[in-house]
Amino acid sequence: MPEQLKMVSFTVDARFENTDELVKFMRLIESGERAIKIESVQFSEQDELEKVQNLPYPVQVNFEMVTFYYEEGVE
């Protein structure tokens, strides 16, 4: 890896209407121009209050991702 190329990690918390929407999001991330690697995906369930409220986005996901950038710009 070139010395000026740096790695950055970030986390995204997201909610989706259903698993199809989740898959669309992951495909969008994977097919983008910038190289982004999904390090991990964690699913969580709605809590009891959210279930009672019947919220429109029941699929809850936490993504840990990595991407790269040039610290000094591209020559």
PDB file of N, CA and C in Angstrom:
ATOM      1  N   MET A   1       0.854  -1.177   0.000  1.00  0.00           N
ATOM      2  CA  MET A   1       0.000   0.000   0.000  1.00  0.00           C
ATOM      3  C   MET A   1       0.897   1.237   0.000  1.00  0.00           C
ATOM      4  N   PRO A   2       0.647   2.213  -0.877  1.00  0.00           N
ATOM      5  CA  PRO A   2       1.451   3.447  -0.892  1.00  0.00           C
ATOM      6  C   PRO A   2       1.390   4.163   0.460  1.00  0.00           C
ATOM      7  N   GLU A   3       2.494   4.808   0.804  1.00  0.00           N
ATOM      8  CA  GLU A   3       2.593   5.468   2.112  1.00  0.00           C
ATOM      9  C   GLU A   3       1.533   6.544   2.315  1.00  0.00           C
ATOM     10  N   GLN A   4       1.192   7.307   1.276  1.00  0.00           N
ATOM     11  CA  GLN A   4       0.211   8.388   1.429  1.00  0.00           C
ATOM     12  C   GLN A   4      -1.240   7.892   1.450  1.00  0.00           C
ATOM     13  N   LEU A   5      -1.442   6.615   1.149  1.00  0.00           N
ATOM     14  CA  LEU A   5      -2.778   6.042   1.201  1.00  0.00           C
ATOM     15  C   LEU A   5      -3.098   5.659   2.649  1.00  0.00           C
ATOM     16  N   LYS A   6      -4.161   6.229   3.177  1.00  0.00           N
ATOM     17  CA  LYS A   6      -4.552   6.003   4.567  1.00  0.00           C
ATOM     18  C   LYS A   6      -5.888   5.267   4.630  1.00  0.00           C
ATOM     19  N   MET A   7      -6.063   4.542   5.714  1.00  0.00           N
ATOM     20  CA  MET A   7      -7.292   3.787   5.926  1.00  0.00           C
ATOM     21  C   MET A   7      -8.124   4.469   7.008  1.00  0.00           C
ATOM     22  N   VAL A   8      -9.418   4.483   6.817  1.00  0.00           N
ATOM     23  CA  VAL A   8     -10.317   5.038   7.819  1.00  0.00           C
ATOM     24  C   VAL A   8     -11.440   4.028   8.058  1.00  0.00           C
ATOM     25  N   SER A   9     -11.744   3.822   9.334  1.00  0.00           N
ATOM     26  CA  SER A   9     -12.844   2.933   9.723  1.00  0.00           C
ATOM     27  C   SER A   9     -14.006   3.786  10.200  1.00  0.00           C
ATOM     28  N   PHE A  10     -15.211   3.325   9.925  1.00  0.00           N
ATOM     29  CA  PHE A  10     -16.385   4.057  10.392  1.00  0.00           C
ATOM     30  C   PHE A  10     -17.536   3.090  10.626  1.00  0.00           C
ATOM     31  N   THR A  11     -18.516   3.564  11.375  1.00  0.00           N
ATOM     32  CA  THR A  11     -19.669   2.756  11.741  1.00  0.00           C
ATOM     33  C   THR A  11     -20.922   3.429  11.217  1.00  0.00           C
ATOM     34  N   VAL A  12     -21.854   2.629  10.715  1.00  0.00           N
ATOM     35  CA  VAL A  12     -23.135   3.135  10.238  1.00  0.00           C
ATOM     36  C   VAL A  12     -24.244   2.336  10.924  1.00  0.00           C
ATOM     37  N   ASP A  13     -25.122   3.047  11.613  1.00  0.00           N
ATOM     38  CA  ASP A  13     -26.324   2.435  12.175  1.00  0.00           C
ATOM     39  C   ASP A  13     -27.467   2.760  11.225  1.00  0.00           C
ATOM     40  N   ALA A  14     -28.201   1.740  10.795  1.00  0.00           N
ATOM     41  CA  ALA A  14     -29.259   1.958   9.812  1.00  0.00           C
ATOM     42  C   ALA A  14     -30.476   1.107  10.152  1.00  0.00           C
ATOM     43  N   ARG A  15     -31.611   1.544   9.650  1.00  0.00           N
ATOM     44  CA  ARG A  15     -32.864   0.797   9.785  1.00  0.00           C
ATOM     45  C   ARG A  15     -33.473   0.657   8.396  1.00  0.00           C
ATOM     46  N   PHE A  16     -34.055  -0.493   8.153  1.00  0.00           N
ATOM     47  CA  PHE A  16     -34.639  -0.775   6.853  1.00  0.00           C
ATOM     48  C   PHE A  16     -36.048  -1.311   7.026  1.00  0.00           C
ATOM     49  N   GLU A  17     -36.880  -1.083   5.997  1.00  0.00           N
ATOM     50  CA  GLU A  17     -38.257  -1.576   6.023  1.00  0.00           C
ATOM     51  C   GLU A  17     -38.303  -3.100   6.010  1.00  0.00           C
ATOM     52  N   ASN A  18     -37.330  -3.700   5.288  1.00  0.00           N
ATOM     53  CA  ASN A  18     -37.316  -5.159   5.163  1.00  0.00           C
ATOM     54  C   ASN A  18     -35.921  -5.595   4.710  1.00  0.00           C
ATOM     55  N   THR A  19     -35.722  -6.876   4.623  1.00  0.00           N
ATOM     56  CA  THR A  19     -34.390  -7.375   4.241  1.00  0.00           C
ATOM     57  C   THR A  19     -34.047  -7.067   2.796  1.00  0.00           C
ATOM     58  N   ASP A  20     -35.040  -6.928   1.920  1.00  0.00           N
ATOM     59  CA  ASP A  20     -34.760  -6.551   0.531  1.00  0.00           C
ATOM     60  C   ASP A  20     -34.091  -5.177   0.471  1.00  0.00           C
ATOM     61  N   GLU A  21     -34.568  -4.245   1.285  1.00  0.00           N
ATOM     62  CA  GLU A  21     -33.967  -2.906   1.330  1.00  0.00           C
ATOM     63  C   GLU A  21     -32.536  -2.970   1.872  1.00  0.00           C
ATOM     64  N   LEU A  22     -32.313  -3.833   2.845  1.00  0.00           N
ATOM     65  CA  LEU A  22     -30.969  -4.032   3.382  1.00  0.00           C
ATOM     66  C   LEU A  22     -30.031  -4.538   2.295  1.00  0.00           C
ATOM     67  N   VAL A  23     -30.470  -5.521   1.534  1.00  0.00           N
ATOM     68  CA  VAL A  23     -29.650  -6.080   0.459  1.00  0.00           C
ATOM     69  C   VAL A  23     -29.354  -5.015  -0.598  1.00  0.00           C
ATOM     70  N   LYS A  24     -30.339  -4.183  -0.945  1.00  0.00           N
ATOM     71  CA  LYS A  24     -30.119  -3.096  -1.914  1.00  0.00           C
ATOM     72  C   LYS A  24     -29.034  -2.146  -1.410  1.00  0.00           C
ATOM     73  N   PHE A  25     -29.090  -1.803  -0.120  1.00  0.00           N
ATOM     74  CA  PHE A  25     -28.090  -0.910   0.464  1.00  0.00           C
ATOM     75  C   PHE A  25     -26.693  -1.522   0.386  1.00  0.00           C
ATOM     76  N   MET A  26     -26.583  -2.799   0.739  1.00  0.00           N
ATOM     77  CA  MET A  26     -25.273  -3.453   0.712  1.00  0.00           C
ATOM     78  C   MET A  26     -24.721  -3.537  -0.712  1.00  0.00           C
ATOM     79  N   ARG A  27     -25.580  -3.792  -1.672  1.00  0.00           N
ATOM     80  CA  ARG A  27     -25.135  -3.825  -3.072  1.00  0.00           C
ATOM     81  C   ARG A  27     -24.679  -2.448  -3.529  1.00  0.00           C
ATOM     82  N   LEU A  28     -25.372  -1.407  -3.092  1.00  0.00           N
ATOM     83  CA  LEU A  28     -24.979  -0.043  -3.426  1.00  0.00           C
ATOM     84  C   LEU A  28     -23.594   0.269  -2.870  1.00  0.00           C
ATOM     85  N   ILE A  29     -23.343  -0.111  -1.630  1.00  0.00           N
ATOM     86  CA  ILE A  29     -22.027   0.094  -1.013  1.00  0.00           C
ATOM     87  C   ILE A  29     -20.958  -0.654  -1.797  1.00  0.00           C
ATOM     88  N   GLU A  30     -21.223  -1.895  -2.130  1.00  0.00           N
ATOM     89  CA  GLU A  30     -20.234  -2.733  -2.816  1.00  0.00           C
ATOM     90  C   GLU A  30     -19.967  -2.295  -4.248  1.00  0.00           C
ATOM     91  N   SER A  31     -20.925  -1.662  -4.898  1.00  0.00           N
ATOM     92  CA  SER A  31     -20.750  -1.309  -6.312  1.00  0.00           C
ATOM     93  C   SER A  31     -20.344   0.145  -6.525  1.00  0.00           C
ATOM     94  N   GLY A  32     -20.149   0.892  -5.459  1.00  0.00           N
ATOM     95  CA  GLY A  32     -19.775   2.293  -5.587  1.00  0.00           C
ATOM     96  C   GLY A  32     -18.369   2.479  -6.134  1.00  0.00           C
ATOM     97  N   GLU A  33     -18.051   3.714  -6.536  1.00  0.00           N
ATOM     98  CA  GLU A  33     -16.729   4.024  -7.089  1.00  0.00           C
ATOM     99  C   GLU A  33     -15.632   3.901  -6.039  1.00  0.00           C
ATOM    100  N   ARG A  34     -15.922   4.273  -4.830  1.00  0.00           N
ATOM    101  CA  ARG A  34     -14.929   4.203  -3.758  1.00  0.00           C
ATOM    102  C   ARG A  34     -14.903   2.793  -3.190  1.00  0.00           C
ATOM    103  N   ALA A  35     -13.710   2.299  -2.948  1.00  0.00           N
ATOM    104  CA  ALA A  35     -13.565   0.959  -2.360  1.00  0.00           C
ATOM    105  C   ALA A  35     -13.946   1.017  -0.883  1.00  0.00           C
ATOM    106  N   ILE A  36     -15.015   0.332  -0.539  1.00  0.00           N
ATOM    107  CA  ILE A  36     -15.474   0.246   0.841  1.00  0.00           C
ATOM    108  C   ILE A  36     -15.622  -1.225   1.182  1.00  0.00           C
ATOM    109  N   LYS A  37     -15.005  -1.602   2.267  1.00  0.00           N
ATOM    110  CA  LYS A  37     -15.095  -2.988   2.720  1.00  0.00           C
ATOM    111  C   LYS A  37     -15.983  -3.027   3.951  1.00  0.00           C
ATOM    112  N   ILE A  38     -16.973  -3.904   3.932  1.00  0.00           N
ATOM    113  CA  ILE A  38     -17.824  -4.102   5.098  1.00  0.00           C
ATOM    114  C   ILE A  38     -17.122  -5.113   5.991  1.00  0.00           C
ATOM    115  N   GLU A  39     -16.646  -4.645   7.134  1.00  0.00           N
ATOM    116  CA  GLU A  39     -15.909  -5.489   8.073  1.00  0.00           C
ATOM    117  C   GLU A  39     -16.839  -6.396   8.867  1.00  0.00           C
ATOM    118  N   SER A  40     -17.954  -5.839   9.326  1.00  0.00           N
ATOM    119  CA  SER A  40     -18.897  -6.652  10.089  1.00  0.00           C
ATOM    120  C   SER A  40     -20.298  -6.064   9.972  1.00  0.00           C
ATOM    121  N   VAL A  41     -21.279  -6.930  10.177  1.00  0.00           N
ATOM    122  CA  VAL A  41     -22.688  -6.545  10.160  1.00  0.00           C
ATOM    123  C   VAL A  41     -23.321  -7.164  11.401  1.00  0.00           C
ATOM    124  N   GLN A  42     -23.973  -6.332  12.193  1.00  0.00           N
ATOM    125  CA  GLN A  42     -24.662  -6.822  13.385  1.00  0.00           C
ATOM    126  C   GLN A  42     -26.131  -6.438  13.296  1.00  0.00           C
ATOM    127  N   PHE A  43     -26.986  -7.409  13.483  1.00  0.00           N
ATOM    128  CA  PHE A  43     -28.420  -7.183  13.467  1.00  0.00           C
ATOM    129  C   PHE A  43     -28.917  -7.076  14.900  1.00  0.00           C
ATOM    130  N   SER A  44     -29.931  -6.250  15.101  1.00  0.00           N
ATOM    131  CA  SER A  44     -30.547  -6.186  16.418  1.00  0.00           C
ATOM    132  C   SER A  44     -32.056  -6.126  16.252  1.00  0.00           C
ATOM    133  N   GLU A  45     -32.746  -6.606  17.269  1.00  0.00           N
ATOM    134  CA  GLU A  45     -34.204  -6.617  17.242  1.00  0.00           C
ATOM    135  C   GLU A  45     -34.749  -5.330  17.838  1.00  0.00           C
ATOM    136  N   GLN A  46     -35.964  -5.023  17.440  1.00  0.00           N
ATOM    137  CA  GLN A  46     -36.643  -3.887  18.055  1.00  0.00           C
ATOM    138  C   GLN A  46     -36.901  -4.208  19.518  1.00  0.00           C
ATOM    139  N   ASP A  47     -36.860  -3.174  20.357  1.00  0.00           N
ATOM    140  CA  ASP A  47     -37.238  -3.408  21.749  1.00  0.00           C
ATOM    141  C   ASP A  47     -38.761  -3.426  21.847  1.00  0.00           C
ATOM    142  N   GLU A  48     -39.269  -3.730  23.004  1.00  0.00           N
ATOM    143  CA  GLU A  48     -40.717  -3.899  23.185  1.00  0.00           C
ATOM    144  C   GLU A  48     -41.492  -2.624  22.836  1.00  0.00           C
ATOM    145  N   LEU A  49     -40.972  -1.461  23.219  1.00  0.00           N
ATOM    146  CA  LEU A  49     -41.651  -0.200  22.934  1.00  0.00           C
ATOM    147  C   LEU A  49     -41.747   0.024  21.425  1.00  0.00           C
ATOM    148  N   GLU A  50     -40.657  -0.248  20.710  1.00  0.00           N
ATOM    149  CA  GLU A  50     -40.667  -0.075  19.253  1.00  0.00           C
ATOM    150  C   GLU A  50     -41.654  -1.034  18.584  1.00  0.00           C
ATOM    151  N   LYS A  51     -41.757  -2.247  19.099  1.00  0.00           N
ATOM    152  CA  LYS A  51     -42.724  -3.208  18.542  1.00  0.00           C
ATOM    153  C   LYS A  51     -44.152  -2.708  18.727  1.00  0.00           C
ATOM    154  N   VAL A  52     -44.448  -2.164  19.901  1.00  0.00           N
ATOM    155  CA  VAL A  52     -45.784  -1.650  20.184  1.00  0.00           C
ATOM    156  C   VAL A  52     -46.087  -0.447  19.296  1.00  0.00           C
ATOM    157  N   GLN A  53     -45.088   0.384  19.047  1.00  0.00           N
ATOM    158  CA  GLN A  53     -45.272   1.579  18.219  1.00  0.00           C
ATOM    159  C   GLN A  53     -45.383   1.237  16.736  1.00  0.00           C
ATOM    160  N   ASN A  54     -45.076  -0.009  16.372  1.00  0.00           N
ATOM    161  CA  ASN A  54     -45.160  -0.471  14.987  1.00  0.00           C
ATOM    162  C   ASN A  54     -44.390   0.454  14.045  1.00  0.00           C
ATOM    163  N   LEU A  55     -43.135   0.698  14.375  1.00  0.00           N
ATOM    164  CA  LEU A  55     -42.294   1.577  13.569  1.00  0.00           C
ATOM    165  C   LEU A  55     -42.088   1.000  12.168  1.00  0.00           C
ATOM    166  N   PRO A  56     -41.959   1.877  11.159  1.00  0.00           N
ATOM    167  CA  PRO A  56     -41.883   1.414   9.773  1.00  0.00           C
ATOM    168  C   PRO A  56     -40.547   0.783   9.370  1.00  0.00           C
ATOM    169  N   TYR A  57     -39.546   0.832  10.208  1.00  0.00           N
ATOM    170  CA  TYR A  57     -38.224   0.305   9.844  1.00  0.00           C
ATOM    171  C   TYR A  57     -37.755  -0.724  10.872  1.00  0.00           C
ATOM    172  N   PRO A  58     -38.298  -1.935  10.822  1.00  0.00           N
ATOM    173  CA  PRO A  58     -38.005  -2.931  11.853  1.00  0.00           C
ATOM    174  C   PRO A  58     -36.625  -3.589  11.752  1.00  0.00           C
ATOM    175  N   VAL A  59     -35.994  -3.570  10.584  1.00  0.00           N
ATOM    176  CA  VAL A  59     -34.692  -4.225  10.436  1.00  0.00           C
ATOM    177  C   VAL A  59     -33.608  -3.236  10.855  1.00  0.00           C
ATOM    178  N   GLN A  60     -32.944  -3.521  11.977  1.00  0.00           N
ATOM    179  CA  GLN A  60     -31.917  -2.638  12.527  1.00  0.00           C
ATOM    180  C   GLN A  60     -30.546  -3.278  12.330  1.00  0.00           C
ATOM    181  N   VAL A  61     -29.615  -2.501  11.759  1.00  0.00           N
ATOM    182  CA  VAL A  61     -28.309  -3.051  11.416  1.00  0.00           C
ATOM    183  C   VAL A  61     -27.216  -2.062  11.789  1.00  0.00           C
ATOM    184  N   ASN A  62     -26.099  -2.607  12.276  1.00  0.00           N
ATOM    185  CA  ASN A  62     -24.904  -1.819  12.544  1.00  0.00           C
ATOM    186  C   ASN A  62     -23.800  -2.353  11.634  1.00  0.00           C
ATOM    187  N   PHE A  63     -23.250  -1.473  10.785  1.00  0.00           N
ATOM    188  CA  PHE A  63     -22.170  -1.838   9.876  1.00  0.00           C
ATOM    189  C   PHE A  63     -20.867  -1.234  10.370  1.00  0.00           C
ATOM    190  N   GLU A  64     -19.799  -2.006  10.353  1.00  0.00           N
ATOM    191  CA  GLU A  64     -18.452  -1.469  10.542  1.00  0.00           C
ATOM    192  C   GLU A  64     -17.778  -1.578   9.187  1.00  0.00           C
ATOM    193  N   MET A  65     -17.305  -0.429   8.669  1.00  0.00           N
ATOM    194  CA  MET A  65     -16.757  -0.381   7.323  1.00  0.00           C
ATOM    195  C   MET A  65     -15.373   0.255   7.321  1.00  0.00           C
ATOM    196  N   VAL A  66     -14.643  -0.008   6.240  1.00  0.00           N
ATOM    197  CA  VAL A  66     -13.309   0.546   6.053  1.00  0.00           C
ATOM    198  C   VAL A  66     -13.227   1.091   4.635  1.00  0.00           C
ATOM    199  N   THR A  67     -12.601   2.252   4.489  1.00  0.00           N
ATOM    200  CA  THR A  67     -12.309   2.795   3.170  1.00  0.00           C
ATOM    201  C   THR A  67     -10.941   3.457   3.209  1.00  0.00           C
ATOM    202  N   PHE A  68     -10.484   3.969   2.083  1.00  0.00           N
ATOM    203  CA  PHE A  68      -9.136   4.518   1.971  1.00  0.00           C
ATOM    204  C   PHE A  68      -9.190   5.916   1.371  1.00  0.00           C
ATOM    205  N   TYR A  69      -8.169   6.718   1.689  1.00  0.00           N
ATOM    206  CA  TYR A  69      -8.051   8.060   1.115  1.00  0.00           C
ATOM    207  C   TYR A  69      -6.579   8.424   1.033  1.00  0.00           C
ATOM    208  N   TYR A  70      -6.279   9.409   0.170  1.00  0.00           N
ATOM    209  CA  TYR A  70      -4.913   9.923   0.061  1.00  0.00           C
ATOM    210  C   TYR A  70      -4.765  11.103   1.009  1.00  0.00           C
ATOM    211  N   GLU A  71      -3.798  11.009   1.901  1.00  0.00           N
ATOM    212  CA  GLU A  71      -3.599  12.062   2.921  1.00  0.00           C
ATOM    213  C   GLU A  71      -3.182  13.385   2.301  1.00  0.00           C
ATOM    214  N   GLU A  72      -2.298  13.373   1.322  1.00  0.00           N
ATOM    215  CA  GLU A  72      -1.776  14.609   0.721  1.00  0.00           C
ATOM    216  C   GLU A  72      -2.425  14.932  -0.608  1.00  0.00           C
ATOM    217  N   GLY A  73      -3.405  14.179  -1.034  1.00  0.00           N
ATOM    218  CA  GLY A  73      -4.008  14.381  -2.350  1.00  0.00           C
ATOM    219  C   GLY A  73      -3.273  13.540  -3.382  1.00  0.00           C
ATOM    220  N   VAL A  74      -3.838  13.442  -4.558  1.00  0.00           N
ATOM    221  CA  VAL A  74      -3.259  12.641  -5.625  1.00  0.00           C
ATOM    222  C   VAL A  74      -2.384  13.514  -6.493  1.00  0.00           C
ATOM    223  N   GLU A  75      -1.181  13.022  -6.826  1.00  0.00           N
ATOM    224  CA  GLU A  75      -0.271  13.785  -7.679  1.00  0.00           C
ATOM    225  C   GLU A  75      -0.464  13.413  -9.115  1.00  0.00           C
TER     226      GLU A  75
END
